[in-house]
């Protein structure tokens, strides 16, 4: 256990007496006044059970916007040899639920939104950007073509001031509707997720897919007040019926 000043650090794991084998190195943040900006692991990526595995935990009580980057070819500029020529990156949520994957970073749906400081520099390198809920995650890195070589997998926490998720010209730190769904961030459980909208009853299912938005056991299609704990009155006999076109008409209490 050590107290670290702000800066960059590298733990190195090696076998005593030159021994080799699979090992894990872990970093835990104990001081709540400081934050880890990113974590990274470099190593030799093999095949089968010898792919690279990087685990991390998202803490807190709300989703965080995270970028994961897998680099191989760009490491050659630093004298690394042999490099993994075509990294493929896959993210799963414990205990193994697949979330996203990427081969070449330009093909990722959010490629143009990724901050330049964490974007990939080689067309064959992989990048993911997701809004992740608190919990444990595992990044798997292997060769897209079955290749092997040295690579690095990195995880960055992205600040609201760095990204404009809905491309409306307002960075997330000043935008009150980050994902552009028309739902104010204060009422959207997934404010930085372009694939999911608000979750008023906090059951983990967004309003586009939830059949019981207020969690009272009555299907939304049969509930005279499907959002009665959050909203009131929009000209529909005092009931605010949600869709993306009329959210702004609802009066939040």
Protein backbone atom coordinates (compact mmCIF):
# COMPACT_ATOMS: atom_id res chain seq x y z
CA UNK A 1 0.00 0.00 0.00
CA UNK A 2 1.43 3.35 -1.02
CA UNK A 3 0.34 6.99 -1.31
CA UNK A 4 0.96 8.28 -4.83
CA UNK A 5 1.27 11.85 -6.03
CA UNK A 6 -0.53 12.74 -9.30
CA UNK A 7 1.30 11.26 -12.27
CA UNK A 8 1.89 8.10 -14.31
CA UNK A 9 2.92 4.80 -12.74
CA UNK A 10 3.78 1.31 -14.02
CA UNK A 11 3.72 -1.84 -11.86
CA UNK A 12 5.89 -4.63 -13.29
CA UNK A 13 5.21 -8.32 -12.57
CA UNK A 14 7.97 -10.88 -13.12
CA UNK A 15 8.66 -14.40 -11.97
CA UNK A 16 11.19 -14.96 -9.20
CA UNK A 17 14.20 -16.71 -10.65
CA UNK A 18 12.94 -16.11 -14.18
CA UNK A 19 9.85 -18.31 -13.76
CA UNK A 20 6.95 -17.80 -16.18
CA UNK A 21 3.20 -18.34 -16.03
CA UNK A 22 -0.18 -16.62 -15.82
CA UNK A 23 -0.52 -13.92 -13.15
CA UNK A 24 -2.74 -10.97 -12.26
CA UNK A 25 -1.81 -7.50 -11.03
CA UNK A 26 -4.50 -5.42 -9.30
CA UNK A 27 -4.78 -1.75 -8.35
CA UNK A 28 -7.34 -0.57 -5.78
CA UNK A 29 -8.19 3.07 -5.17
CA UNK A 30 -8.62 3.57 -1.40
CA UNK A 31 -8.61 7.38 -1.18
CA UNK A 32 -11.99 8.77 -2.16
CA UNK A 33 -10.46 12.25 -2.56
CA UNK A 34 -8.39 11.09 -5.57
CA UNK A 35 -9.36 9.27 -8.75
CA UNK A 36 -7.65 6.89 -11.12
CA UNK A 37 -7.88 8.44 -14.58
CA UNK A 38 -7.05 5.26 -16.43
CA UNK A 39 -5.66 1.76 -16.06
CA UNK A 40 -3.76 -0.26 -18.65
CA UNK A 41 -2.19 -3.68 -19.11
CA UNK A 42 0.56 -4.59 -21.59
CA UNK A 43 1.52 -8.14 -22.39
CA UNK A 44 1.84 -10.88 -24.95
CA UNK A 45 -1.49 -11.81 -26.54
CA UNK A 46 -1.75 -15.45 -27.50
CA UNK A 47 -4.66 -17.61 -28.61
CA UNK A 48 -7.20 -19.77 -26.78
CA UNK A 49 -6.75 -19.43 -23.03
CA UNK A 50 -3.78 -17.13 -23.58
CA UNK A 51 -5.63 -14.04 -24.81
CA UNK A 52 -5.24 -10.89 -22.72
CA UNK A 53 -7.85 -10.29 -20.02
CA UNK A 54 -8.29 -6.96 -18.24
CA UNK A 55 -10.86 -6.55 -15.46
CA UNK A 56 -12.18 -3.37 -13.88
CA UNK A 57 -14.98 -2.21 -11.58
CA UNK A 58 -17.20 0.85 -12.05
CA UNK A 59 -18.03 2.20 -8.59
CA UNK A 60 -20.61 4.72 -7.38
CA UNK A 61 -24.36 4.81 -7.92
CA UNK A 62 -24.69 6.06 -11.50
CA UNK A 63 -23.33 5.12 -14.94
CA UNK A 64 -19.92 6.32 -16.07
CA UNK A 65 -18.78 7.04 -19.61
CA UNK A 66 -15.76 4.87 -20.36
CA UNK A 67 -13.41 4.44 -23.32
CA UNK A 68 -11.47 1.19 -23.84
CA UNK A 69 -8.60 1.10 -26.30
CA UNK A 70 -6.59 -1.86 -27.63
CA UNK A 71 -3.28 -0.96 -29.23
CA UNK A 72 -0.78 -3.13 -31.06
CA UNK A 73 0.62 -1.69 -34.29
CA UNK A 74 1.31 1.76 -32.78
CA UNK A 75 3.59 0.17 -30.17
CA UNK A 76 6.17 -0.55 -32.87
CA UNK A 77 7.13 3.14 -32.80
CA UNK A 78 8.38 2.58 -29.23
CA UNK A 79 10.58 -0.34 -30.19
CA UNK A 80 8.12 -3.06 -29.16
CA UNK A 81 8.47 -6.29 -31.13
CA UNK A 82 6.59 -8.39 -32.09
CA UNK A 83 3.36 -6.38 -31.92
CA UNK A 84 -0.19 -7.70 -32.29
CA UNK A 85 -0.96 -6.59 -35.85
CA UNK A 86 -4.77 -6.49 -35.65
CA UNK A 87 -6.21 -6.24 -32.11
CA UNK A 88 -9.84 -7.25 -31.49
CA UNK A 89 -11.48 -5.95 -28.30
CA UNK A 90 -14.53 -7.44 -26.58
CA UNK A 91 -16.25 -6.22 -23.40
CA UNK A 92 -18.35 -8.37 -21.09
CA UNK A 93 -20.17 -7.67 -17.84
CA UNK A 94 -19.60 -10.15 -15.05
CA UNK A 95 -20.33 -13.05 -15.04
CA UNK A 96 -19.88 -13.02 -18.84
CA UNK A 97 -22.72 -11.04 -20.48
CA UNK A 98 -21.43 -9.68 -23.84
CA UNK A 99 -21.80 -5.90 -24.20
CA UNK A 100 -19.80 -4.68 -27.18
CA UNK A 101 -16.84 -5.44 -29.44
CA UNK A 102 -14.69 -3.74 -32.03
CA UNK A 103 -12.00 -4.65 -34.54
CA UNK A 104 -11.04 -1.42 -36.33
CA UNK A 105 -11.81 1.75 -34.38
CA UNK A 106 -13.29 3.69 -37.31
CA UNK A 107 -16.17 1.19 -37.48
CA UNK A 108 -17.37 1.90 -33.94
CA UNK A 109 -20.70 3.82 -33.92
CA UNK A 110 -19.28 6.46 -31.56
CA UNK A 111 -15.88 6.74 -33.25
CA UNK A 112 -16.34 10.40 -34.15
CA UNK A 113 -17.33 11.29 -30.56
CA UNK A 114 -14.32 9.76 -28.81
CA UNK A 115 -12.01 12.45 -27.35
CA UNK A 116 -8.79 12.80 -29.34
CA UNK A 117 -6.58 12.12 -26.31
CA UNK A 118 -7.89 8.52 -26.13
CA UNK A 119 -8.63 7.77 -29.78
CA UNK A 120 -6.65 5.14 -31.68
CA UNK A 121 -3.84 6.22 -34.01
CA UNK A 122 -3.66 3.13 -36.22
CA UNK A 123 -6.61 1.98 -38.38
CA UNK A 124 -6.21 -1.63 -37.17
CA UNK A 125 -6.50 -0.75 -33.49
CA UNK A 126 -9.77 -1.13 -31.57
CA UNK A 127 -11.76 1.30 -29.43
CA UNK A 128 -15.02 1.07 -27.48
CA UNK A 129 -16.98 3.86 -25.77
CA UNK A 130 -19.89 2.94 -23.52
CA UNK A 131 -21.92 4.26 -20.63
CA UNK A 132 -21.42 1.59 -17.96
CA UNK A 133 -23.52 1.03 -14.86
CA UNK A 134 -21.76 0.25 -11.55
CA UNK A 135 -20.43 -3.29 -11.52
CA UNK A 136 -17.61 -5.56 -12.68
CA UNK A 137 -16.44 -5.77 -16.29
CA UNK A 138 -13.93 -7.79 -18.30
CA UNK A 139 -12.12 -6.68 -21.46
CA UNK A 140 -10.85 -9.48 -23.72
CA UNK A 141 -8.09 -8.70 -26.22
CA UNK A 142 -7.02 -11.07 -28.97
CA UNK A 143 -5.89 -11.08 -32.60
CA UNK A 144 -8.72 -10.50 -35.07
CA UNK A 145 -7.03 -12.82 -37.54
CA UNK A 146 -5.82 -15.31 -34.93
CA UNK A 147 -2.50 -13.49 -34.77
CA UNK A 148 -0.33 -13.11 -31.69
CA UNK A 149 1.99 -10.44 -30.36
CA UNK A 150 2.45 -7.74 -27.76
CA UNK A 151 -0.45 -5.34 -27.17
CA UNK A 152 -1.89 -3.04 -24.55
CA UNK A 153 -5.49 -2.66 -23.35
CA UNK A 154 -6.45 0.62 -21.68
CA UNK A 155 -9.52 1.87 -19.83
CA UNK A 156 -10.25 5.60 -19.45
CA UNK A 157 -12.99 7.38 -17.51
CA UNK A 158 -14.30 10.21 -19.69
CA UNK A 159 -15.31 13.53 -18.13
CA UNK A 160 -18.47 15.35 -19.20
CA UNK A 161 -16.39 18.31 -20.36
CA UNK A 162 -14.66 16.09 -22.96
CA UNK A 163 -17.58 14.83 -24.99
CA UNK A 164 -20.76 15.91 -26.77
CA UNK A 165 -22.68 12.64 -27.00
CA UNK A 166 -25.65 13.88 -29.04
CA UNK A 167 -23.53 16.20 -31.24
CA UNK A 168 -25.74 19.20 -30.53
CA UNK A 169 -22.82 21.59 -29.99
CA UNK A 170 -23.01 21.43 -26.18
CA UNK A 171 -20.51 19.46 -24.16
CA UNK A 172 -22.11 17.13 -21.62
CA UNK A 173 -21.10 19.26 -18.63
CA UNK A 174 -23.44 22.06 -19.79
CA UNK A 175 -25.98 20.04 -21.79
CA UNK A 176 -29.15 19.21 -19.81
CA UNK A 177 -30.09 16.41 -22.21
CA UNK A 178 -26.81 14.67 -23.00
CA UNK A 179 -28.13 11.87 -25.21
CA UNK A 180 -30.69 14.00 -27.06
CA UNK A 181 -33.66 11.76 -26.27
CA UNK A 182 -35.66 14.75 -25.08
CA UNK A 183 -35.52 13.51 -21.48
CA UNK A 184 -33.80 15.84 -18.98
CA UNK A 185 -30.67 14.22 -17.55
CA UNK A 186 -32.09 14.41 -14.01
CA UNK A 187 -34.87 12.01 -15.10
CA UNK A 188 -32.79 9.85 -17.43
CA UNK A 189 -31.07 6.87 -15.81
CA UNK A 190 -28.88 6.54 -18.92
CA UNK A 191 -28.01 10.17 -19.79
CA UNK A 192 -24.87 9.27 -21.75
CA UNK A 193 -26.25 6.27 -23.62
CA UNK A 194 -27.51 6.77 -27.18
CA UNK A 195 -29.19 3.36 -27.14
CA UNK A 196 -31.39 3.75 -24.03
CA UNK A 197 -33.76 6.40 -22.68
CA UNK A 198 -35.03 7.25 -19.17
CA UNK A 199 -35.87 4.73 -16.45
CA UNK A 200 -38.29 6.41 -13.99
CA UNK A 201 -38.75 3.35 -11.76
CA UNK A 202 -35.00 2.56 -11.75
CA UNK A 203 -35.56 -1.11 -12.65
CA UNK A 204 -32.77 -1.12 -15.22
CA UNK A 205 -35.18 -1.12 -18.19
CA UNK A 206 -35.47 2.10 -20.17
CA UNK A 207 -38.80 3.71 -21.02
CA UNK A 208 -38.67 2.60 -24.63
CA UNK A 209 -38.73 -1.07 -23.56
CA UNK A 210 -40.33 -1.02 -20.07
CA UNK A 211 -43.96 -2.15 -20.00
CA UNK A 212 -44.48 -0.79 -16.46
CA UNK A 213 -42.71 2.56 -16.31
CA UNK A 214 -43.64 3.52 -12.75
CA UNK A 215 -43.15 0.03 -11.29
CA UNK A 216 -46.61 -0.24 -9.70
CA UNK A 217 -47.44 -3.58 -11.32
CA UNK A 218 -49.90 -2.13 -13.83
CA UNK A 219 -48.86 -2.27 -17.50
CA UNK A 220 -48.21 1.21 -18.87
CA UNK A 221 -50.85 0.70 -21.56
CA UNK A 222 -53.49 0.14 -18.84
CA UNK A 223 -52.16 2.58 -16.23
CA UNK A 224 -54.12 5.88 -16.12
CA UNK A 225 -51.04 7.49 -14.54
CA UNK A 226 -48.00 5.55 -15.82
CA UNK A 227 -45.62 8.21 -14.49
CA UNK A 228 -47.62 9.41 -11.49
CA UNK A 229 -44.57 9.43 -9.19
CA UNK A 230 -42.65 11.74 -11.49
CA UNK A 231 -44.94 13.84 -13.65
CA UNK A 232 -48.37 15.46 -13.76
CA UNK A 233 -50.57 17.24 -16.26
CA UNK A 234 -49.87 17.61 -19.96
CA UNK A 235 -53.35 18.19 -21.31
CA UNK A 236 -54.25 14.49 -21.32
CA UNK A 237 -56.69 14.62 -18.39
CA UNK A 238 -53.81 15.24 -16.03
CA UNK A 239 -51.82 12.23 -17.22
CA UNK A 240 -48.42 12.56 -18.85
CA UNK A 241 -48.18 9.78 -21.42
CA UNK A 242 -44.55 9.38 -22.44
CA UNK A 243 -43.12 9.37 -25.89
CA UNK A 244 -40.08 11.19 -27.20
CA UNK A 245 -42.19 13.87 -28.89
CA UNK A 246 -44.15 15.03 -25.84
CA UNK A 247 -41.68 14.74 -22.95
CA UNK A 248 -41.11 18.50 -22.80
CA UNK A 249 -44.87 18.99 -22.26
CA UNK A 250 -44.77 17.10 -18.98
CA UNK A 251 -44.50 19.11 -15.78
CA UNK A 252 -41.97 17.59 -13.40
CA UNK A 253 -42.76 17.96 -9.70
